[in-house]
Amino acid sequence: MSKKDYLNKQGHLVFTSEYHLSRGSCCKSSCLHCPYGHALKKENLTLEELNSSNLDDAKIIYDKYFLRSKITENLLSSAFGSNDSKSEFDNDTFKVLLLKNTVCGIVEIENKSVKALYLADYFEQQGIDEAIVMTLFTT
């Protein structure tokens, strides 16, 4: 992505990691897209069940990562037979990852552990990774 800002659902201007990197230093304001790690240190990441308040944002992330693979899977299964490796989008398989009460990703769960992490647009440069998310399962 090469966009430096966007309007959120509330109509507020939000600066992306790209904008903050172009500034060259951290302002220590815990900006939502801080690429310098300040927001991750000051604001807790949280996991939440899929619910009516986060479902639309979570579905956008799910579709971004899984829609393309589902199309490929359907084409392959029609040519070579079915494949049972489907991820269901439900609370048993996925949790929503929040930073500052904003959906920043979805976490695929397997055996009460992180199987995969899928980040929302503009959250890729913030140092959020599976190891950090895994700490949420131990606290």
N, C-alpha and C. Protein backbone atom coordinates (compact mmCIF):
# COMPACT_ATOMS: atom_id res chain seq x y z
N MET A 1 0.84 -1.17 0.00
CA MET A 1 0.00 0.00 0.00
C MET A 1 0.89 1.24 0.00
N SER A 2 0.47 2.23 -0.66
CA SER A 2 1.27 3.46 -0.68
C SER A 2 0.42 4.65 -0.28
N LYS A 3 -0.51 4.44 0.61
CA LYS A 3 -1.36 5.52 1.07
C LYS A 3 -0.89 5.98 2.44
N LYS A 4 -0.82 7.27 2.65
CA LYS A 4 -0.29 7.80 3.91
C LYS A 4 -1.37 8.12 4.94
N ASP A 5 -2.62 8.16 4.52
CA ASP A 5 -3.70 8.40 5.47
C ASP A 5 -5.02 7.88 4.90
N TYR A 6 -6.01 7.79 5.77
CA TYR A 6 -7.35 7.38 5.36
C TYR A 6 -8.34 7.90 6.38
N LEU A 7 -9.62 7.88 6.03
CA LEU A 7 -10.68 8.24 6.95
C LEU A 7 -11.25 6.96 7.55
N ASN A 8 -11.33 6.92 8.89
CA ASN A 8 -11.90 5.73 9.52
C ASN A 8 -13.43 5.82 9.50
N LYS A 9 -14.11 4.84 10.09
CA LYS A 9 -15.58 4.79 10.05
C LYS A 9 -16.22 5.99 10.74
N GLN A 10 -15.50 6.57 11.69
CA GLN A 10 -16.02 7.73 12.39
C GLN A 10 -15.73 9.04 11.65
N GLY A 11 -15.04 8.95 10.52
CA GLY A 11 -14.72 10.13 9.74
C GLY A 11 -13.45 10.85 10.17
N HIS A 12 -12.67 10.22 11.04
CA HIS A 12 -11.42 10.83 11.51
C HIS A 12 -10.28 10.48 10.56
N LEU A 13 -9.38 11.43 10.37
CA LEU A 13 -8.19 11.19 9.56
C LEU A 13 -7.20 10.36 10.36
N VAL A 14 -6.75 9.25 9.78
CA VAL A 14 -5.80 8.36 10.44
C VAL A 14 -4.55 8.26 9.58
N PHE A 15 -3.39 8.48 10.19
CA PHE A 15 -2.13 8.38 9.47
C PHE A 15 -1.64 6.94 9.50
N THR A 16 -1.15 6.45 8.38
CA THR A 16 -0.67 5.08 8.26
C THR A 16 0.80 4.99 8.68
N SER A 17 1.30 3.78 8.76
CA SER A 17 2.71 3.55 9.08
C SER A 17 3.62 4.26 8.09
N GLU A 18 3.21 4.26 6.83
CA GLU A 18 4.01 4.92 5.79
C GLU A 18 4.20 6.40 6.11
N TYR A 19 3.14 7.05 6.56
CA TYR A 19 3.24 8.45 6.94
C TYR A 19 4.22 8.62 8.09
N HIS A 20 4.05 7.79 9.12
CA HIS A 20 4.91 7.90 10.32
C HIS A 20 6.38 7.65 9.97
N LEU A 21 6.62 6.68 9.10
CA LEU A 21 8.00 6.41 8.67
C LEU A 21 8.58 7.60 7.92
N SER A 22 7.76 8.29 7.14
CA SER A 22 8.25 9.46 6.39
C SER A 22 8.60 10.61 7.32
N ARG A 23 8.01 10.65 8.51
CA ARG A 23 8.36 11.66 9.51
C ARG A 23 9.77 11.43 10.05
N GLY A 24 10.14 10.17 10.13
CA GLY A 24 11.49 9.84 10.55
C GLY A 24 11.70 9.54 12.01
N SER A 25 10.71 9.78 12.85
CA SER A 25 10.86 9.48 14.27
C SER A 25 9.48 9.31 14.90
N CYS A 26 9.46 8.74 16.08
CA CYS A 26 8.22 8.50 16.81
C CYS A 26 7.85 9.74 17.62
N CYS A 27 6.56 10.08 17.60
CA CYS A 27 6.08 11.23 18.36
C CYS A 27 5.63 10.84 19.77
N LYS A 28 5.68 9.54 20.09
CA LYS A 28 5.31 9.00 21.41
C LYS A 28 3.85 9.25 21.78
N SER A 29 2.98 9.32 20.78
CA SER A 29 1.56 9.55 21.02
C SER A 29 0.72 8.28 20.95
N SER A 30 1.35 7.13 20.81
CA SER A 30 0.66 5.85 20.68
C SER A 30 -0.29 5.84 19.49
N CYS A 31 0.18 6.35 18.36
CA CYS A 31 -0.61 6.38 17.14
C CYS A 31 -1.01 4.95 16.75
N LEU A 32 -2.19 4.80 16.21
CA LEU A 32 -2.72 3.48 15.86
C LEU A 32 -1.78 2.71 14.95
N HIS A 33 -1.15 3.37 13.99
CA HIS A 33 -0.29 2.69 13.03
C HIS A 33 1.19 2.99 13.26
N CYS A 34 1.58 3.17 14.51
CA CYS A 34 2.97 3.49 14.84
C CYS A 34 3.91 2.35 14.42
N PRO A 35 4.83 2.62 13.48
CA PRO A 35 5.77 1.57 13.07
C PRO A 35 6.99 1.46 13.98
N TYR A 36 7.05 2.32 15.00
CA TYR A 36 8.20 2.35 15.90
C TYR A 36 7.97 1.53 17.17
N GLY A 37 6.83 0.89 17.28
CA GLY A 37 6.55 0.01 18.41
C GLY A 37 5.95 0.68 19.63
N HIS A 38 5.78 2.00 19.59
CA HIS A 38 5.27 2.70 20.77
C HIS A 38 3.85 2.28 21.12
N ALA A 39 2.98 2.18 20.14
CA ALA A 39 1.59 1.79 20.42
C ALA A 39 1.53 0.36 20.96
N LEU A 40 2.37 -0.52 20.45
CA LEU A 40 2.37 -1.90 20.95
C LEU A 40 2.86 -1.98 22.39
N LYS A 41 3.75 -1.08 22.79
CA LYS A 41 4.25 -1.07 24.17
C LYS A 41 3.24 -0.43 25.12
N LYS A 42 2.56 0.62 24.67
CA LYS A 42 1.65 1.37 25.53
C LYS A 42 0.22 0.85 25.52
N GLU A 43 -0.22 0.35 24.40
CA GLU A 43 -1.59 -0.12 24.25
C GLU A 43 -1.58 -1.64 24.14
N ASN A 44 -2.44 -2.29 24.87
CA ASN A 44 -2.47 -3.74 24.83
C ASN A 44 -3.21 -4.26 23.60
N LEU A 45 -2.62 -5.25 22.99
CA LEU A 45 -3.34 -6.03 21.99
C LEU A 45 -4.32 -6.90 22.76
N THR A 46 -5.51 -7.09 22.22
CA THR A 46 -6.48 -7.96 22.85
C THR A 46 -7.10 -8.88 21.81
N LEU A 47 -7.55 -10.03 22.29
CA LEU A 47 -8.29 -10.97 21.45
C LEU A 47 -9.75 -10.93 21.85
N GLU A 48 -10.61 -11.03 20.87
CA GLU A 48 -12.04 -10.94 21.12
C GLU A 48 -12.75 -11.98 20.26
N GLU A 49 -13.84 -12.49 20.77
CA GLU A 49 -14.69 -13.39 19.99
C GLU A 49 -15.30 -12.62 18.82
N LEU A 50 -15.62 -13.32 17.76
CA LEU A 50 -16.39 -12.72 16.67
C LEU A 50 -17.74 -12.30 17.24
N ASN A 51 -18.15 -11.07 16.96
CA ASN A 51 -19.45 -10.60 17.43
C ASN A 51 -19.98 -9.55 16.47
N SER A 52 -21.15 -9.04 16.74
CA SER A 52 -21.79 -8.11 15.81
C SER A 52 -21.00 -6.81 15.63
N SER A 53 -20.21 -6.41 16.62
CA SER A 53 -19.48 -5.15 16.49
C SER A 53 -18.19 -5.28 15.69
N ASN A 54 -17.65 -6.49 15.57
CA ASN A 54 -16.38 -6.64 14.84
C ASN A 54 -16.48 -7.52 13.60
N LEU A 55 -17.63 -8.11 13.37
CA LEU A 55 -17.77 -9.10 12.31
C LEU A 55 -17.49 -8.53 10.92
N ASP A 56 -17.99 -7.35 10.62
CA ASP A 56 -17.78 -6.77 9.29
C ASP A 56 -16.29 -6.55 9.01
N ASP A 57 -15.57 -5.98 9.97
CA ASP A 57 -14.13 -5.74 9.79
C ASP A 57 -13.37 -7.06 9.69
N ALA A 58 -13.75 -8.02 10.52
CA ALA A 58 -13.09 -9.32 10.49
C ALA A 58 -13.34 -10.03 9.16
N LYS A 59 -14.54 -9.91 8.65
CA LYS A 59 -14.89 -10.56 7.37
C LYS A 59 -14.08 -9.97 6.22
N ILE A 60 -13.81 -8.67 6.24
CA ILE A 60 -12.99 -8.05 5.21
C ILE A 60 -11.59 -8.67 5.20
N ILE A 61 -11.03 -8.87 6.38
CA ILE A 61 -9.70 -9.48 6.48
C ILE A 61 -9.75 -10.93 6.02
N TYR A 62 -10.75 -11.66 6.47
CA TYR A 62 -10.92 -13.06 6.08
C TYR A 62 -11.00 -13.19 4.56
N ASP A 63 -11.85 -12.36 3.95
CA ASP A 63 -12.02 -12.42 2.50
C ASP A 63 -10.72 -12.07 1.77
N LYS A 64 -9.97 -11.11 2.30
CA LYS A 64 -8.70 -10.71 1.68
C LYS A 64 -7.75 -11.89 1.56
N TYR A 65 -7.68 -12.70 2.60
CA TYR A 65 -6.72 -13.80 2.62
C TYR A 65 -7.28 -15.11 2.07
N PHE A 66 -8.59 -15.34 2.25
CA PHE A 66 -9.14 -16.66 1.93
C PHE A 66 -9.93 -16.72 0.64
N LEU A 67 -10.44 -15.61 0.15
CA LEU A 67 -11.25 -15.65 -1.06
C LEU A 67 -10.46 -16.19 -2.24
N ARG A 68 -9.25 -15.71 -2.43
CA ARG A 68 -8.42 -16.16 -3.54
C ARG A 68 -8.12 -17.66 -3.40
N SER A 69 -7.79 -18.11 -2.19
CA SER A 69 -7.47 -19.52 -2.01
C SER A 69 -8.71 -20.40 -2.16
N LYS A 70 -9.89 -19.88 -1.79
CA LYS A 70 -11.11 -20.66 -1.98
C LYS A 70 -11.43 -20.84 -3.46
N ILE A 71 -11.20 -19.80 -4.27
CA ILE A 71 -11.43 -19.91 -5.71
C ILE A 71 -10.50 -20.97 -6.29
N THR A 72 -9.23 -20.92 -5.92
CA THR A 72 -8.26 -21.91 -6.39
C THR A 72 -8.65 -23.31 -5.91
N GLU A 73 -9.04 -23.42 -4.65
CA GLU A 73 -9.45 -24.71 -4.08
C GLU A 73 -10.64 -25.28 -4.83
N ASN A 74 -11.62 -24.43 -5.15
CA ASN A 74 -12.80 -24.90 -5.88
C ASN A 74 -12.44 -25.37 -7.29
N LEU A 75 -11.56 -24.64 -7.95
CA LEU A 75 -11.12 -25.05 -9.28
C LEU A 75 -10.39 -26.39 -9.23
N LEU A 76 -9.48 -26.52 -8.26
CA LEU A 76 -8.72 -27.77 -8.14
C LEU A 76 -9.62 -28.94 -7.75
N SER A 77 -10.56 -28.70 -6.83
CA SER A 77 -11.42 -29.80 -6.40
C SER A 77 -12.35 -30.24 -7.53
N SER A 78 -12.77 -29.31 -8.38
CA SER A 78 -13.61 -29.72 -9.51
C SER A 78 -12.81 -30.51 -10.54
N ALA A 79 -11.52 -30.25 -10.61
CA ALA A 79 -10.68 -30.97 -11.58
C ALA A 79 -10.15 -32.29 -11.02
N PHE A 80 -9.79 -32.28 -9.71
CA PHE A 80 -9.11 -33.45 -9.15
C PHE A 80 -9.82 -34.10 -7.97
N GLY A 81 -10.98 -33.65 -7.61
CA GLY A 81 -11.68 -34.20 -6.45
C GLY A 81 -11.62 -33.22 -5.30
N SER A 82 -12.45 -33.47 -4.29
CA SER A 82 -12.59 -32.50 -3.20
C SER A 82 -11.40 -32.51 -2.26
N ASN A 83 -11.23 -31.37 -1.63
CA ASN A 83 -10.17 -31.18 -0.63
C ASN A 83 -10.87 -30.76 0.65
N ASP A 84 -10.62 -31.45 1.75
CA ASP A 84 -11.32 -31.19 3.00
C ASP A 84 -10.64 -30.15 3.87
N SER A 85 -9.61 -29.47 3.39
CA SER A 85 -8.88 -28.51 4.22
C SER A 85 -9.51 -27.12 4.12
N LYS A 86 -10.71 -27.00 4.69
CA LYS A 86 -11.42 -25.72 4.68
C LYS A 86 -11.35 -25.10 6.07
N SER A 87 -11.15 -23.81 6.13
CA SER A 87 -11.22 -23.09 7.39
C SER A 87 -12.60 -22.45 7.49
N GLU A 88 -13.31 -22.78 8.54
CA GLU A 88 -14.62 -22.19 8.77
C GLU A 88 -14.42 -20.89 9.54
N PHE A 89 -15.16 -19.86 9.15
CA PHE A 89 -15.05 -18.56 9.80
C PHE A 89 -16.01 -18.53 10.98
N ASP A 90 -15.55 -19.02 12.13
CA ASP A 90 -16.37 -19.06 13.33
C ASP A 90 -15.49 -18.88 14.57
N ASN A 91 -16.11 -18.80 15.73
CA ASN A 91 -15.38 -18.55 16.97
C ASN A 91 -14.50 -19.70 17.41
N ASP A 92 -14.74 -20.90 16.91
CA ASP A 92 -13.87 -22.02 17.26
C ASP A 92 -12.56 -21.96 16.49
N THR A 93 -12.57 -21.33 15.33
CA THR A 93 -11.41 -21.30 14.45
C THR A 93 -10.71 -19.95 14.43
N PHE A 94 -11.44 -18.87 14.63
CA PHE A 94 -10.88 -17.52 14.52
C PHE A 94 -11.23 -16.65 15.72
N LYS A 95 -10.29 -15.77 16.07
CA LYS A 95 -10.50 -14.70 17.04
C LYS A 95 -10.12 -13.40 16.36
N VAL A 96 -10.66 -12.31 16.87
CA VAL A 96 -10.38 -10.99 16.32
C VAL A 96 -9.30 -10.33 17.17
N LEU A 97 -8.31 -9.75 16.52
CA LEU A 97 -7.21 -9.07 17.20
C LEU A 97 -7.48 -7.57 17.16
N LEU A 98 -7.41 -6.94 18.34
CA LEU A 98 -7.69 -5.51 18.45
C LEU A 98 -6.46 -4.76 18.98
N LEU A 99 -6.25 -3.57 18.45
CA LEU A 99 -5.27 -2.63 18.97
C LEU A 99 -6.00 -1.31 19.14
N LYS A 100 -6.01 -0.77 20.35
CA LYS A 100 -6.74 0.45 20.64
C LYS A 100 -8.20 0.34 20.23
N ASN A 101 -8.80 -0.80 20.52
CA ASN A 101 -10.20 -1.10 20.19
C ASN A 101 -10.51 -1.04 18.70
N THR A 102 -9.50 -1.22 17.88
CA THR A 102 -9.65 -1.24 16.43
C THR A 102 -9.24 -2.62 15.92
N VAL A 103 -10.06 -3.21 15.08
CA VAL A 103 -9.72 -4.52 14.51
C VAL A 103 -8.47 -4.36 13.66
N CYS A 104 -7.41 -5.06 14.04
CA CYS A 104 -6.16 -4.99 13.28
C CYS A 104 -5.81 -6.32 12.64
N GLY A 105 -6.55 -7.37 12.96
CA GLY A 105 -6.29 -8.66 12.36
C GLY A 105 -7.23 -9.73 12.86
N ILE A 106 -7.08 -10.89 12.27
CA ILE A 106 -7.77 -12.08 12.77
C ILE A 106 -6.72 -13.15 12.99
N VAL A 107 -6.98 -13.98 13.98
CA VAL A 107 -6.05 -15.03 14.37
C VAL A 107 -6.73 -16.37 14.16
N GLU A 108 -6.08 -17.22 13.40
CA GLU A 108 -6.60 -18.58 13.20
C GLU A 108 -6.06 -19.44 14.34
N ILE A 109 -6.97 -20.14 15.02
CA ILE A 109 -6.64 -20.90 16.22
C ILE A 109 -6.65 -22.40 15.92
N GLU A 110 -5.66 -23.09 16.49
CA GLU A 110 -5.64 -24.56 16.40
C GLU A 110 -5.03 -25.08 17.70
N ASN A 111 -5.76 -25.94 18.39
CA ASN A 111 -5.31 -26.50 19.66
C ASN A 111 -4.95 -25.41 20.67
N LYS A 112 -5.80 -24.40 20.79
CA LYS A 112 -5.62 -23.28 21.72
C LYS A 112 -4.29 -22.57 21.51
N SER A 113 -3.88 -22.50 20.26
CA SER A 113 -2.62 -21.86 19.90
C SER A 113 -2.81 -21.12 18.57
N VAL A 114 -1.88 -20.24 18.26
CA VAL A 114 -1.94 -19.48 17.02
C VAL A 114 -1.50 -20.36 15.86
N LYS A 115 -2.40 -20.60 14.93
CA LYS A 115 -2.05 -21.32 13.71
C LYS A 115 -1.54 -20.33 12.66
N ALA A 116 -2.25 -19.18 12.55
CA ALA A 116 -1.85 -18.16 11.58
C ALA A 116 -2.42 -16.81 12.00
N LEU A 117 -1.75 -15.77 11.55
CA LEU A 117 -2.16 -14.39 11.82
C LEU A 117 -2.39 -13.69 10.49
N TYR A 118 -3.52 -13.02 10.38
CA TYR A 118 -3.87 -12.29 9.17
C TYR A 118 -4.15 -10.85 9.56
N LEU A 119 -3.35 -9.92 9.06
CA LEU A 119 -3.45 -8.53 9.45
C LEU A 119 -4.29 -7.71 8.48
N ALA A 120 -4.98 -6.71 9.03
CA ALA A 120 -5.75 -5.77 8.23
C ALA A 120 -4.80 -4.85 7.48
N ASP A 121 -5.34 -4.21 6.46
CA ASP A 121 -4.55 -3.23 5.71
C ASP A 121 -3.99 -2.19 6.68
N TYR A 122 -2.79 -1.75 6.40
CA TYR A 122 -2.07 -0.71 7.14
C TYR A 122 -1.51 -1.17 8.49
N PHE A 123 -1.68 -2.43 8.88
CA PHE A 123 -1.12 -2.91 10.14
C PHE A 123 0.11 -3.80 9.93
N GLU A 124 0.56 -3.94 8.69
CA GLU A 124 1.64 -4.86 8.38
C GLU A 124 3.01 -4.40 8.87
N GLN A 125 3.21 -3.10 9.08
CA GLN A 125 4.53 -2.57 9.42
C GLN A 125 4.69 -2.23 10.90
N GLN A 126 3.90 -2.83 11.75
CA GLN A 126 3.92 -2.45 13.15
C GLN A 126 4.56 -3.47 14.08
N GLY A 127 5.08 -4.52 13.53
CA GLY A 127 5.73 -5.52 14.37
C GLY A 127 4.78 -6.49 15.04
N ILE A 128 3.53 -6.51 14.61
CA ILE A 128 2.58 -7.48 15.14
C ILE A 128 2.87 -8.81 14.46
N ASP A 129 3.21 -9.81 15.25
CA ASP A 129 3.52 -11.11 14.67
C ASP A 129 2.92 -12.22 15.53
N GLU A 130 3.07 -13.45 15.08
CA GLU A 130 2.47 -14.59 15.78
C GLU A 130 3.03 -14.76 17.19
N ALA A 131 4.30 -14.47 17.39
CA ALA A 131 4.91 -14.60 18.72
C ALA A 131 4.26 -13.63 19.71
N ILE A 132 4.03 -12.40 19.28
CA ILE A 132 3.37 -11.42 20.16
C ILE A 132 1.94 -11.86 20.45
N VAL A 133 1.24 -12.32 19.44
CA VAL A 133 -0.15 -12.76 19.63
C VAL A 133 -0.20 -13.98 20.54
N MET A 134 0.78 -14.86 20.43
CA MET A 134 0.81 -16.06 21.26
C MET A 134 0.87 -15.71 22.75
N THR A 135 1.50 -14.58 23.09
CA THR A 135 1.55 -14.18 24.50
C THR A 135 0.16 -13.89 25.06
N LEU A 136 -0.80 -13.57 24.20
CA LEU A 136 -2.16 -13.32 24.66
C LEU A 136 -2.84 -14.60 25.13
N PHE A 137 -2.35 -15.74 24.69
CA PHE A 137 -2.93 -17.01 25.11
C PHE A 137 -2.39 -17.47 26.47
N THR A 138 -1.27 -16.89 26.89
CA THR A 138 -0.65 -17.33 28.14
C THR A 138 -0.97 -16.38 29.29
N THR A 139 -1.65 -15.27 28.99
CA THR A 139 -1.97 -14.31 30.07
C THR A 139 -3.42 -14.42 30.47
